[in-house]
Protein backbone atom coordinates (compact mmCIF):
# COMPACT_ATOMS: atom_id res chain seq x y z
CA MET A 1 57.81 -59.27 3.11
CA SER A 2 60.62 -59.69 0.64
CA LYS A 3 63.60 -57.45 0.40
CA ILE A 4 64.05 -55.60 -2.88
CA SER A 5 67.29 -55.15 -4.73
CA LEU A 6 67.98 -52.73 -7.51
CA MET A 7 70.90 -52.45 -9.90
CA ALA A 8 71.39 -49.32 -11.98
CA LYS A 9 73.88 -48.41 -14.69
CA LEU A 10 74.66 -44.71 -15.09
CA THR A 11 76.74 -43.35 -17.95
CA ALA A 12 78.42 -39.97 -17.70
CA ALA A 13 77.91 -37.35 -20.40
CA ASP A 14 81.06 -36.57 -22.40
CA GLY A 15 83.70 -35.02 -20.16
CA LYS A 16 81.54 -35.31 -17.03
CA ALA A 17 82.81 -38.58 -15.45
CA ASP A 18 84.71 -36.87 -12.61
CA GLU A 19 81.77 -34.59 -11.79
CA LEU A 20 79.39 -37.54 -11.89
CA LYS A 21 81.65 -39.56 -9.58
CA ALA A 22 81.62 -36.71 -7.04
CA ALA A 23 77.84 -36.31 -7.30
CA LEU A 24 77.36 -40.05 -6.76
CA GLY A 25 79.52 -39.83 -3.65
CA ALA A 26 77.17 -37.16 -2.30
CA MET A 27 74.26 -39.53 -2.89
CA ILE A 28 75.97 -42.18 -0.75
CA VAL A 29 76.27 -39.66 2.10
CA ALA A 30 72.60 -38.64 1.68
CA ALA A 31 71.53 -42.30 1.89
CA ASP A 32 71.99 -42.10 5.67
CA GLU A 33 68.58 -40.38 5.87
CA GLU A 34 66.83 -43.53 4.54
CA PRO A 35 66.61 -46.16 7.32
CA GLY A 36 65.04 -48.83 5.08
CA LEU A 37 67.94 -48.60 2.64
CA GLU A 38 70.27 -51.38 3.80
CA ILE A 39 72.91 -51.21 1.06
CA TYR A 40 73.57 -48.30 -1.28
CA SER A 41 76.85 -48.67 -3.12
CA VAL A 42 78.32 -47.24 -6.29
CA HIS A 43 81.01 -48.93 -8.37
CA ALA A 44 83.18 -47.67 -11.23
CA ASP A 45 83.06 -49.91 -14.30
CA ALA A 46 86.44 -51.61 -14.81
CA SER A 47 86.29 -51.29 -18.60
CA ASP A 48 84.64 -47.89 -19.14
CA ALA A 49 85.58 -44.82 -17.06
CA ASN A 50 82.26 -43.16 -17.98
CA VAL A 51 80.11 -45.92 -16.48
CA PHE A 52 79.07 -46.39 -12.84
CA HIS A 53 76.93 -49.13 -11.33
CA PHE A 54 74.72 -48.88 -8.25
CA PHE A 55 73.66 -51.77 -6.07
CA GLU A 56 70.82 -51.04 -3.67
CA LEU A 57 69.05 -53.23 -1.12
CA TYR A 58 65.80 -52.18 0.56
CA THR A 59 64.07 -53.82 3.51
CA ASP A 60 60.75 -53.82 1.65
CA GLN A 61 58.58 -51.97 -0.87
CA ALA A 62 57.76 -49.22 1.64
CA ALA A 63 61.48 -48.42 1.97
CA LEU A 64 61.86 -48.24 -1.82
CA ASP A 65 58.75 -46.05 -2.06
CA VAL A 66 60.35 -43.33 0.09
CA HIS A 67 63.74 -43.48 -1.65
CA GLY A 68 64.77 -40.05 -2.88
CA LYS A 69 62.02 -38.17 -1.10
CA GLY A 70 64.11 -36.78 1.78
CA ASP A 71 65.76 -33.38 1.41
CA GLY A 72 69.32 -34.68 1.31
CA MET A 73 68.73 -37.39 -1.27
CA SER A 74 66.45 -35.20 -3.36
CA ASN A 75 69.15 -32.53 -3.54
CA ALA A 76 71.87 -35.09 -4.27
CA MET A 77 69.81 -36.64 -7.08
CA GLY A 78 69.11 -33.18 -8.49
CA ALA A 79 72.84 -32.59 -8.80
CA LEU A 80 72.98 -35.32 -11.48
CA LYS A 81 71.24 -33.02 -13.96
CA GLY A 82 73.48 -32.45 -16.96
CA LEU A 83 75.97 -35.11 -15.88
CA LEU A 84 74.33 -38.17 -17.46
CA ALA A 85 74.51 -39.28 -21.09
CA GLY A 86 70.98 -40.69 -20.83
CA ARG A 87 68.52 -42.26 -18.45
CA PRO A 88 69.91 -44.80 -15.97
CA GLU A 89 69.35 -48.45 -16.89
CA VAL A 90 67.55 -49.95 -13.89
CA THR A 91 66.95 -53.61 -13.02
CA MET A 92 64.67 -54.54 -10.12
CA ALA A 93 65.09 -57.93 -8.43
CA THR A 94 64.23 -60.02 -5.40
CA PRO A 95 67.25 -61.32 -3.49
CA VAL A 96 67.49 -65.10 -3.28
CA ALA A 97 70.72 -65.67 -1.35
CA ALA A 98 73.56 -63.54 0.03
CA LYS A 99 76.56 -64.21 2.22
CA GLY A 100 76.22 -62.71 5.67
CA MET A 101 72.57 -61.65 5.30
CA ASP A 102 69.14 -63.00 6.09
CA ILE A 103 67.17 -62.68 2.89
């Protein structure tokens, strides 16, 4: 089975960047309930304070399929309502090579 990576770009609604940053931090904490989620990281865009990027790495499709279904993550994702300027831009990929990891 191949690991699955996902990159997502989230843009804050006007005046909501700080609230979105806090809500994204709560999602990182909630990620502990998902054992098949190997990496779940959020990054602030260096050129736009309203933009955040996620990088996610899942052990397999089954791990991705359960993402967001636990109580903690479901609640954390729900807190994003009203904080985004639009739908996240999501890119799915298959890892090819990575330092320090068996792909």
